[in-house]
């Protein structure tokens, strides 16, 4: 396994040993804190999160709305 040396230009992605963090160029971040059992996803305001189970159950999160669809029913 190859280690990493962080520096000012390429700082460490997290500040706690229990947090695993991924940072993308558009500013989105994904954190998992295994001590707190917490998952956190941050997206730019133009982003969208879609969680789906099969084709029937879909949760869509956007900056301006939340939509839940289950079968033929939709709630926005």
N, C-alpha and C. Protein backbone atom coordinates (compact mmCIF):
# COMPACT_ATOMS: atom_id res chain seq x y z
N UNK A 1 0.84 -1.18 0.00
CA UNK A 1 0.00 0.00 0.00
C UNK A 1 0.89 1.24 0.00
N UNK A 2 0.53 2.22 -0.77
CA UNK A 2 1.30 3.44 -0.90
C UNK A 2 0.71 4.52 0.00
N UNK A 3 1.53 5.13 0.83
CA UNK A 3 1.07 6.19 1.72
C UNK A 3 0.94 7.52 1.00
N UNK A 4 0.37 8.51 1.70
CA UNK A 4 0.16 9.82 1.11
C UNK A 4 0.70 10.89 2.04
N UNK A 5 1.34 11.90 1.47
CA UNK A 5 1.78 13.07 2.23
C UNK A 5 0.92 14.25 1.82
N UNK A 6 0.18 14.79 2.77
CA UNK A 6 -0.67 15.93 2.47
C UNK A 6 0.12 17.22 2.61
N UNK A 7 -0.31 18.24 1.89
CA UNK A 7 0.34 19.54 1.91
C UNK A 7 -0.72 20.61 1.72
N UNK A 8 -0.33 21.86 1.76
CA UNK A 8 -1.28 22.95 1.64
C UNK A 8 -2.10 22.86 0.36
N UNK A 9 -1.46 22.59 -0.76
CA UNK A 9 -2.17 22.52 -2.04
C UNK A 9 -3.10 21.31 -2.11
N UNK A 10 -2.74 20.23 -1.44
CA UNK A 10 -3.53 18.99 -1.45
C UNK A 10 -3.72 18.55 0.00
N UNK A 11 -4.66 19.21 0.68
CA UNK A 11 -4.89 18.95 2.11
C UNK A 11 -5.56 17.60 2.32
N UNK A 12 -5.45 17.09 3.55
CA UNK A 12 -6.13 15.84 3.92
C UNK A 12 -7.63 16.03 3.79
N UNK A 13 -8.34 15.04 3.28
CA UNK A 13 -9.78 15.20 3.08
C UNK A 13 -10.60 15.21 4.37
N UNK A 14 -10.08 14.71 5.47
CA UNK A 14 -10.83 14.70 6.73
C UNK A 14 -9.94 15.09 7.88
N UNK A 15 -10.57 15.44 9.02
CA UNK A 15 -9.79 15.87 10.17
C UNK A 15 -9.93 14.93 11.37
N UNK A 16 -10.61 13.79 11.20
CA UNK A 16 -10.76 12.81 12.28
C UNK A 16 -10.47 11.42 11.73
N UNK A 17 -9.88 10.60 12.56
CA UNK A 17 -9.52 9.25 12.14
C UNK A 17 -10.74 8.38 11.84
N UNK A 18 -11.90 8.71 12.41
CA UNK A 18 -13.10 7.89 12.21
C UNK A 18 -13.91 8.31 10.99
N UNK A 19 -13.46 9.36 10.29
CA UNK A 19 -14.21 9.87 9.14
C UNK A 19 -13.49 9.51 7.85
N UNK A 20 -14.24 8.90 6.94
CA UNK A 20 -13.75 8.65 5.59
C UNK A 20 -14.43 9.68 4.69
N UNK A 21 -13.65 10.41 3.91
CA UNK A 21 -14.21 11.50 3.11
C UNK A 21 -13.73 11.40 1.68
N UNK A 22 -14.68 11.65 0.76
CA UNK A 22 -14.37 11.78 -0.66
C UNK A 22 -14.79 13.18 -1.07
N UNK A 23 -13.91 13.87 -1.78
CA UNK A 23 -14.19 15.24 -2.24
C UNK A 23 -14.02 15.25 -3.76
N UNK A 24 -15.04 15.77 -4.46
CA UNK A 24 -14.98 15.87 -5.92
C UNK A 24 -14.67 17.31 -6.33
N UNK A 25 -14.22 17.49 -7.57
CA UNK A 25 -13.80 18.80 -8.07
C UNK A 25 -14.92 19.82 -8.07
N UNK A 26 -16.19 19.40 -8.17
CA UNK A 26 -17.30 20.36 -8.18
C UNK A 26 -17.71 20.81 -6.78
N UNK A 27 -17.02 20.32 -5.74
CA UNK A 27 -17.31 20.72 -4.37
C UNK A 27 -18.16 19.72 -3.61
N UNK A 28 -18.67 18.71 -4.26
CA UNK A 28 -19.46 17.69 -3.58
C UNK A 28 -18.56 16.89 -2.64
N UNK A 29 -19.11 16.51 -1.46
CA UNK A 29 -18.36 15.70 -0.51
C UNK A 29 -19.25 14.58 0.02
N UNK A 30 -18.61 13.47 0.31
CA UNK A 30 -19.27 12.33 0.91
C UNK A 30 -18.46 11.94 2.13
N UNK A 31 -19.10 11.96 3.31
CA UNK A 31 -18.43 11.59 4.57
C UNK A 31 -19.15 10.41 5.19
N UNK A 32 -18.37 9.49 5.76
CA UNK A 32 -18.93 8.47 6.62
C UNK A 32 -18.14 8.47 7.91
N UNK A 33 -18.83 8.73 9.01
CA UNK A 33 -18.22 8.72 10.35
C UNK A 33 -18.61 7.41 11.02
N UNK A 34 -17.66 6.49 11.08
CA UNK A 34 -17.99 5.17 11.63
C UNK A 34 -18.17 5.21 13.14
N UNK A 35 -17.66 6.21 13.83
CA UNK A 35 -17.88 6.32 15.28
C UNK A 35 -19.31 6.79 15.56
N UNK A 36 -19.79 7.73 14.77
CA UNK A 36 -21.15 8.26 14.95
C UNK A 36 -22.19 7.50 14.13
N UNK A 37 -21.72 6.59 13.26
CA UNK A 37 -22.61 5.85 12.34
C UNK A 37 -23.44 6.83 11.53
N UNK A 38 -22.76 7.82 10.96
CA UNK A 38 -23.44 8.88 10.21
C UNK A 38 -22.84 8.99 8.81
N UNK A 39 -23.73 9.04 7.84
CA UNK A 39 -23.36 9.21 6.44
C UNK A 39 -23.86 10.59 6.02
N UNK A 40 -23.02 11.39 5.36
CA UNK A 40 -23.39 12.76 4.98
C UNK A 40 -22.93 13.01 3.56
N UNK A 41 -23.85 13.47 2.73
CA UNK A 41 -23.55 13.80 1.34
C UNK A 41 -23.92 15.26 1.12
N UNK A 42 -22.97 16.05 0.67
CA UNK A 42 -23.20 17.46 0.37
C UNK A 42 -22.95 17.69 -1.11
N UNK A 43 -23.92 18.31 -1.78
CA UNK A 43 -23.80 18.58 -3.21
C UNK A 43 -23.90 20.07 -3.47
N UNK A 44 -23.39 20.55 -4.60
CA UNK A 44 -23.64 21.94 -4.99
C UNK A 44 -25.15 22.16 -5.15
N UNK A 45 -25.60 23.39 -5.10
CA UNK A 45 -27.04 23.69 -5.14
C UNK A 45 -27.72 23.20 -6.42
N UNK A 46 -26.96 22.96 -7.47
CA UNK A 46 -27.55 22.45 -8.71
C UNK A 46 -27.62 20.92 -8.74
N UNK A 47 -27.20 20.27 -7.66
CA UNK A 47 -27.15 18.82 -7.62
C UNK A 47 -28.50 18.16 -7.41
N UNK A 48 -28.50 16.85 -7.52
CA UNK A 48 -29.71 16.05 -7.34
C UNK A 48 -29.31 14.71 -6.74
N UNK A 49 -30.10 14.26 -5.77
CA UNK A 49 -29.91 12.94 -5.17
C UNK A 49 -31.12 12.10 -5.52
N UNK A 50 -30.90 10.91 -6.02
CA UNK A 50 -31.98 9.99 -6.34
C UNK A 50 -31.71 8.67 -5.62
N UNK A 51 -32.65 8.27 -4.78
CA UNK A 51 -32.59 6.97 -4.11
C UNK A 51 -33.74 6.15 -4.65
N UNK A 52 -33.45 4.95 -5.13
CA UNK A 52 -34.49 4.13 -5.74
C UNK A 52 -34.39 2.69 -5.27
N UNK A 53 -35.54 2.08 -5.11
CA UNK A 53 -35.64 0.65 -4.86
C UNK A 53 -36.47 0.10 -6.01
N UNK A 54 -35.82 -0.61 -6.90
CA UNK A 54 -36.51 -1.06 -8.10
C UNK A 54 -36.95 0.13 -8.93
N UNK A 55 -38.02 -0.03 -9.68
CA UNK A 55 -38.56 1.06 -10.48
C UNK A 55 -39.71 1.78 -9.79
N UNK A 56 -40.26 1.19 -8.73
CA UNK A 56 -41.50 1.70 -8.14
C UNK A 56 -41.29 2.72 -7.03
N UNK A 57 -40.26 2.59 -6.21
CA UNK A 57 -40.06 3.48 -5.06
C UNK A 57 -38.87 4.38 -5.34
N UNK A 58 -39.11 5.69 -5.48
CA UNK A 58 -38.05 6.63 -5.82
C UNK A 58 -38.18 7.89 -4.97
N UNK A 59 -37.08 8.30 -4.35
CA UNK A 59 -37.00 9.55 -3.61
C UNK A 59 -36.02 10.44 -4.35
N UNK A 60 -36.46 11.64 -4.75
CA UNK A 60 -35.61 12.58 -5.47
C UNK A 60 -35.49 13.86 -4.65
N UNK A 61 -34.27 14.28 -4.38
CA UNK A 61 -34.00 15.50 -3.62
C UNK A 61 -33.28 16.49 -4.51
N UNK A 62 -33.83 17.69 -4.58
CA UNK A 62 -33.20 18.81 -5.29
C UNK A 62 -33.19 20.02 -4.38
N UNK A 63 -32.49 21.06 -4.78
CA UNK A 63 -32.42 22.28 -4.00
C UNK A 63 -33.80 22.91 -3.81
N UNK A 64 -34.69 22.76 -4.79
CA UNK A 64 -35.98 23.44 -4.75
C UNK A 64 -37.17 22.52 -4.52
N UNK A 65 -36.95 21.19 -4.39
CA UNK A 65 -38.09 20.30 -4.15
C UNK A 65 -37.64 18.92 -3.71
N UNK A 66 -38.58 18.24 -3.10
CA UNK A 66 -38.42 16.84 -2.72
C UNK A 66 -39.59 16.10 -3.33
N UNK A 67 -39.32 14.98 -3.98
CA UNK A 67 -40.39 14.19 -4.60
C UNK A 67 -40.27 12.74 -4.18
N UNK A 68 -41.39 12.17 -3.76
CA UNK A 68 -41.46 10.77 -3.40
C UNK A 68 -42.44 10.10 -4.35
N UNK A 69 -42.01 9.02 -4.99
CA UNK A 69 -42.88 8.27 -5.87
C UNK A 69 -42.90 6.82 -5.43
N UNK A 70 -44.09 6.28 -5.28
CA UNK A 70 -44.24 4.88 -4.93
C UNK A 70 -45.39 4.32 -5.75
N UNK A 71 -45.05 3.45 -6.69
CA UNK A 71 -46.07 2.92 -7.60
C UNK A 71 -46.67 4.04 -8.42
N UNK A 72 -47.99 4.16 -8.40
CA UNK A 72 -48.68 5.20 -9.17
C UNK A 72 -48.83 6.50 -8.41
N UNK A 73 -48.42 6.55 -7.14
CA UNK A 73 -48.57 7.76 -6.32
C UNK A 73 -47.29 8.58 -6.29
N UNK A 74 -47.45 9.90 -6.40
CA UNK A 74 -46.32 10.83 -6.33
C UNK A 74 -46.66 11.97 -5.38
N UNK A 75 -45.73 12.31 -4.50
CA UNK A 75 -45.89 13.43 -3.58
C UNK A 75 -44.70 14.37 -3.79
N UNK A 76 -44.99 15.65 -4.09
CA UNK A 76 -43.94 16.63 -4.31
C UNK A 76 -44.05 17.73 -3.25
